[in-house]
């Protein structure tokens, strides 16, 4: 058998890309992809190139155009608005999901605290997925509504708490 032929057959049984599989696991563990089969997520992840950021590098600034959400493969990210720390995120956490729904500027800064690797899920990928697999993309839409509602509830509680502290 020629080297080319044996190579062709061995590829059929070789395990996939470890990074792709790891990122699929990360996204599938988020509430965004709840009740969506891993094979669907894997198809999306194959088109998502990793991005590397150095410590103290801005991933995006408040006011930048939003293009999609990101999951942290490894590293740490801070989300800040007006100098206020909103969230400290690490491996497996995601952020930027508003950009999957609305074409509005980013509402906060995202900064790599240390060397960080991310994968972005961009709105055009979501649009393509919606055309190809409307049921599961619709499921993501419902999950996204849940995530945004939860974040809104948390923000409201923080505002109420901050208001009561100011009165003491």
Protein backbone atom coordinates (compact mmCIF):
# COMPACT_ATOMS: atom_id res chain seq x y z
CA UNK A 1 0.00 0.00 0.00
CA UNK A 2 1.39 3.43 -0.87
CA UNK A 3 2.19 5.93 1.85
CA UNK A 4 -0.59 8.19 0.54
CA UNK A 5 -3.19 5.39 0.72
CA UNK A 6 -2.17 4.29 4.23
CA UNK A 7 -2.19 7.91 5.33
CA UNK A 8 -5.72 8.29 4.02
CA UNK A 9 -6.97 5.27 5.94
CA UNK A 10 -5.17 6.11 9.17
CA UNK A 11 -6.76 9.60 9.18
CA UNK A 12 -10.19 7.99 9.41
CA UNK A 13 -9.35 6.50 12.79
CA UNK A 14 -7.12 9.21 14.26
CA UNK A 15 -8.47 11.15 17.16
CA UNK A 16 -9.37 14.77 16.41
CA UNK A 17 -7.43 17.89 17.27
CA UNK A 18 -6.94 18.00 21.06
CA UNK A 19 -7.44 21.79 21.19
CA UNK A 20 -10.69 21.54 19.22
CA UNK A 21 -11.93 18.80 21.52
CA UNK A 22 -10.93 20.79 24.62
CA UNK A 23 -12.69 23.94 23.37
CA UNK A 24 -15.77 21.88 22.52
CA UNK A 25 -15.80 20.65 26.13
CA UNK A 26 -15.39 24.22 27.44
CA UNK A 27 -18.27 25.61 25.35
CA UNK A 28 -20.49 22.61 26.12
CA UNK A 29 -20.00 23.24 29.85
CA UNK A 30 -21.36 26.79 29.54
CA UNK A 31 -25.06 27.61 29.90
CA UNK A 32 -24.95 29.03 26.34
CA UNK A 33 -24.75 25.51 24.91
CA UNK A 34 -27.00 23.71 27.42
CA UNK A 35 -28.97 20.91 25.71
CA UNK A 36 -27.00 21.20 22.47
CA UNK A 37 -25.21 18.02 21.32
CA UNK A 38 -21.42 18.08 21.34
CA UNK A 39 -21.32 17.16 17.64
CA UNK A 40 -23.08 20.47 16.87
CA UNK A 41 -20.67 22.41 19.06
CA UNK A 42 -17.69 20.60 17.50
CA UNK A 43 -18.78 21.72 14.03
CA UNK A 44 -18.78 25.33 15.23
CA UNK A 45 -15.48 25.08 17.09
CA UNK A 46 -13.61 23.77 14.05
CA UNK A 47 -13.94 27.24 12.48
CA UNK A 48 -12.91 29.17 15.59
CA UNK A 49 -9.22 30.10 15.60
CA UNK A 50 -7.58 30.63 19.00
CA UNK A 51 -6.38 34.12 19.93
CA UNK A 52 -3.47 34.82 22.28
CA UNK A 53 -3.17 37.87 24.52
CA UNK A 54 -0.25 39.01 26.67
CA UNK A 55 -0.62 40.09 30.30
CA UNK A 56 -2.25 43.53 30.56
CA UNK A 57 -3.31 43.46 26.90
CA UNK A 58 -6.81 44.69 26.10
CA UNK A 59 -9.00 42.10 24.41
CA UNK A 60 -11.47 44.87 23.67
CA UNK A 61 -12.29 48.35 24.95
CA UNK A 62 -15.65 49.74 25.97
CA UNK A 63 -17.08 51.35 22.84
CA UNK A 64 -15.38 48.94 20.41
CA UNK A 65 -17.62 47.21 17.89
CA UNK A 66 -18.82 43.89 19.30
CA UNK A 67 -18.45 40.83 17.10
CA UNK A 68 -19.11 37.87 19.37
CA UNK A 69 -18.54 36.04 22.64
CA UNK A 70 -15.34 34.41 23.87
CA UNK A 71 -14.50 31.46 26.09
CA UNK A 72 -11.22 31.38 28.03
CA UNK A 73 -9.10 28.36 27.13
CA UNK A 74 -6.48 29.32 29.70
CA UNK A 75 -5.54 32.47 31.53
CA UNK A 76 -7.38 35.19 33.39
CA UNK A 77 -9.49 38.12 32.18
CA UNK A 78 -10.92 41.10 34.02
CA UNK A 79 -14.06 42.86 32.86
CA UNK A 80 -14.03 46.55 33.85
CA UNK A 81 -16.32 49.49 33.26
CA UNK A 82 -15.39 53.04 34.25
CA UNK A 83 -12.50 51.69 36.30
CA UNK A 84 -14.83 49.39 38.29
CA UNK A 85 -14.05 45.69 38.33
CA UNK A 86 -17.18 43.85 37.21
CA UNK A 87 -15.84 40.30 36.92
CA UNK A 88 -12.70 38.20 37.22
CA UNK A 89 -12.82 35.29 34.80
CA UNK A 90 -10.63 32.24 34.19
CA UNK A 91 -10.48 28.93 32.32
CA UNK A 92 -13.89 27.90 30.97
CA UNK A 93 -15.59 31.24 31.67
CA UNK A 94 -17.16 33.18 28.80
CA UNK A 95 -17.94 36.83 28.14
CA UNK A 96 -19.07 39.23 25.42
CA UNK A 97 -22.33 37.43 24.68
CA UNK A 98 -24.30 40.66 24.15
CA UNK A 99 -22.49 40.93 20.79
CA UNK A 100 -24.17 37.71 19.65
CA UNK A 101 -27.55 39.44 19.95
CA UNK A 102 -27.07 43.16 19.41
CA UNK A 103 -24.95 45.16 17.02
CA UNK A 104 -23.91 47.67 19.68
CA UNK A 105 -20.55 48.84 21.01
CA UNK A 106 -18.91 46.86 23.81
CA UNK A 107 -20.23 47.91 27.21
CA UNK A 108 -17.02 47.25 29.15
CA UNK A 109 -13.28 46.64 28.82
CA UNK A 110 -11.91 43.10 28.75
CA UNK A 111 -8.27 42.84 29.82
CA UNK A 112 -5.98 39.81 29.95
CA UNK A 113 -4.55 39.71 33.48
CA UNK A 114 -1.92 37.15 32.47
CA UNK A 115 -1.02 35.39 29.25
CA UNK A 116 -4.41 34.24 28.00
CA UNK A 117 -5.78 32.14 25.17
CA UNK A 118 -9.37 32.61 23.96
CA UNK A 119 -11.71 31.30 21.30
CA UNK A 120 -14.31 33.68 19.86
CA UNK A 121 -17.78 32.63 18.72
CA UNK A 122 -18.66 35.33 16.20
CA UNK A 123 -22.08 36.54 15.08
CA UNK A 124 -21.47 35.48 11.42
CA UNK A 125 -20.79 31.92 12.67
CA UNK A 126 -24.06 32.04 14.60
CA UNK A 127 -25.91 33.27 11.50
CA UNK A 128 -24.47 30.42 9.39
CA UNK A 129 -25.37 27.90 12.09
CA UNK A 130 -28.91 29.28 12.23
CA UNK A 131 -29.28 28.64 8.47
CA UNK A 132 -27.72 25.15 8.71
CA UNK A 133 -29.22 23.93 11.98
CA UNK A 134 -32.12 26.18 13.04
CA UNK A 135 -33.33 23.95 15.89
CA UNK A 136 -30.03 23.95 17.79
CA UNK A 137 -29.20 27.56 16.95
CA UNK A 138 -32.65 28.43 18.27
CA UNK A 139 -31.85 26.48 21.44
CA UNK A 140 -28.74 28.65 21.81
CA UNK A 141 -30.98 31.71 21.45
CA UNK A 142 -33.12 30.54 24.36
CA UNK A 143 -29.98 29.80 26.41
CA UNK A 144 -28.62 33.23 25.56
CA UNK A 145 -31.83 34.88 26.79
CA UNK A 146 -31.46 32.95 30.07
CA UNK A 147 -27.81 34.02 30.49
CA UNK A 148 -28.57 37.67 29.77
CA UNK A 149 -31.52 37.63 32.18
CA UNK A 150 -29.34 36.11 34.92
CA UNK A 151 -26.66 38.76 34.38
CA UNK A 152 -29.29 41.50 34.50
CA UNK A 153 -30.63 40.14 37.79
CA UNK A 154 -27.11 40.07 39.25
CA UNK A 155 -26.47 43.65 38.09
CA UNK A 156 -29.75 44.82 39.62
CA UNK A 157 -28.89 43.17 42.94
CA UNK A 158 -25.44 44.78 42.90
CA UNK A 159 -26.98 48.20 42.24
CA UNK A 160 -29.49 47.79 45.07
CA UNK A 161 -26.70 46.63 47.40
CA UNK A 162 -24.49 49.58 46.38
CA UNK A 163 -27.40 51.98 46.96
CA UNK A 164 -27.99 50.63 50.48
CA UNK A 165 -24.29 50.90 51.33
CA UNK A 166 -24.35 54.56 50.27
CA UNK A 167 -27.18 55.23 52.72
CA UNK A 168 -25.41 53.81 55.78
